Amino acid sequence: MSKIKYFPEDMDVQNKTVILRLDLNVPLNEKKILDNSRILTSLPFLKNLIKKKRR
């Protein structure tokens, strides 16, 4: 899966409220995740928001 561009890196989101909607539906088999690529692709973006102290 390719890198997802959410919004520009220089966008000022520090100390602002961000409403986020992600499609994290993943294929399951007997309650085990078969493909976690959607989750792993979103993690850098989420960590970046946390680092910028978003609300």
C-alpha atoms as a PDB file:
ATOM      1  CA  MET A   1       0.000   0.000   0.000  1.00  0.00           C
ATOM      2  CA  SER A   2       1.366   3.404  -0.894  1.00  0.00           C
ATOM      3  CA  LYS A   3       1.953   6.280   1.476  1.00  0.00           C
ATOM      4  CA  ILE A   4      -1.214   8.260   2.112  1.00  0.00           C
ATOM      5  CA  LYS A   5      -1.107  12.061   1.997  1.00  0.00           C
ATOM      6  CA  TYR A   6      -3.481  13.392   4.617  1.00  0.00           C
ATOM      7  CA  PHE A   7      -2.632  17.095   4.527  1.00  0.00           C
ATOM      8  CA  PRO A   8       0.511  19.183   4.052  1.00  0.00           C
ATOM      9  CA  GLU A   9       3.245  18.718   6.646  1.00  0.00           C
ATOM     10  CA  ASP A  10       3.510  22.467   7.177  1.00  0.00           C
ATOM     11  CA  MET A  11      -0.184  22.869   8.009  1.00  0.00           C
ATOM     12  CA  ASP A  12      -0.563  24.399  11.463  1.00  0.00           C
ATOM     13  CA  VAL A  13      -2.651  22.006  13.566  1.00  0.00           C
ATOM     14  CA  GLN A  14      -0.887  22.478  16.879  1.00  0.00           C
ATOM     15  CA  ASN A  15      -3.334  23.018  19.747  1.00  0.00           C
ATOM     16  CA  LYS A  16      -6.297  22.824  17.374  1.00  0.00           C
ATOM     17  CA  THR A  17      -9.191  20.426  17.229  1.00  0.00           C
ATOM     18  CA  VAL A  18      -8.947  17.867  14.448  1.00  0.00           C
ATOM     19  CA  ILE A  19     -11.888  15.723  13.400  1.00  0.00           C
ATOM     20  CA  LEU A  20     -10.584  12.539  11.891  1.00  0.00           C
ATOM     21  CA  ARG A  21     -12.359   9.740  10.095  1.00  0.00           C
ATOM     22  CA  LEU A  22     -10.453   6.619   9.107  1.00  0.00           C
ATOM     23  CA  ASP A  23     -11.621   3.456   7.415  1.00  0.00           C
ATOM     24  CA  LEU A  24      -9.856   0.798   9.435  1.00  0.00           C
ATOM     25  CA  ASN A  25     -11.962  -2.163   8.390  1.00  0.00           C
ATOM     26  CA  VAL A  26      -9.588  -5.093   8.100  1.00  0.00           C
ATOM     27  CA  PRO A  27     -10.111  -8.673   6.970  1.00  0.00           C
ATOM     28  CA  LEU A  28     -10.528 -11.083   9.866  1.00  0.00           C
ATOM     29  CA  ASN A  29     -10.349 -14.826  10.204  1.00  0.00           C
ATOM     30  CA  GLU A  30     -11.391 -16.305  13.527  1.00  0.00           C
ATOM     31  CA  LYS A  31     -10.911 -12.918  15.233  1.00  0.00           C
ATOM     32  CA  LYS A  32      -7.372 -12.525  13.891  1.00  0.00           C
ATOM     33  CA  ILE A  33      -6.363  -9.673  11.612  1.00  0.00           C
ATOM     34  CA  LEU A  34      -5.211 -10.965   8.228  1.00  0.00           C
ATOM     35  CA  ASP A  35      -4.022  -7.678   6.726  1.00  0.00           C
ATOM     36  CA  ASN A  36      -3.053  -4.797   9.005  1.00  0.00           C
ATOM     37  CA  SER A  37      -1.763  -2.481   6.260  1.00  0.00           C
ATOM     38  CA  ARG A  38      -4.559   0.096   6.727  1.00  0.00           C
ATOM     39  CA  ILE A  39      -3.743   0.403  10.403  1.00  0.00           C
ATOM     40  CA  LEU A  40       0.024   0.558   9.872  1.00  0.00           C
ATOM     41  CA  THR A  41      -0.327   3.151   7.093  1.00  0.00           C
ATOM     42  CA  SER A  42      -2.330   5.439   9.403  1.00  0.00           C
ATOM     43  CA  LEU A  43       0.035   5.230  12.377  1.00  0.00           C
ATOM     44  CA  PRO A  44       2.626   7.817  11.225  1.00  0.00           C
ATOM     45  CA  PHE A  45      -0.129  10.348  10.623  1.00  0.00           C
ATOM     46  CA  LEU A  46      -1.703   9.707  14.025  1.00  0.00           C
ATOM     47  CA  LYS A  47       1.657   9.953  15.774  1.00  0.00           C
ATOM     48  CA  ASN A  48       2.300  13.238  14.001  1.00  0.00           C
ATOM     49  CA  LEU A  49      -1.002  14.650  15.254  1.00  0.00           C
ATOM     50  CA  ILE A  50      -0.171  13.587  18.786  1.00  0.00           C
ATOM     51  CA  LYS A  51       3.281  15.159  18.524  1.00  0.00           C
ATOM     52  CA  LYS A  52       1.701  18.431  17.388  1.00  0.00           C
ATOM     53  CA  LYS A  53      -0.525  18.377  20.472  1.00  0.00           C
ATOM     54  CA  ARG A  54      -3.764  18.370  18.595  1.00  0.00           C
ATOM     55  CA  ARG A  55      -7.093  18.075  20.416  1.00  0.00           C
END
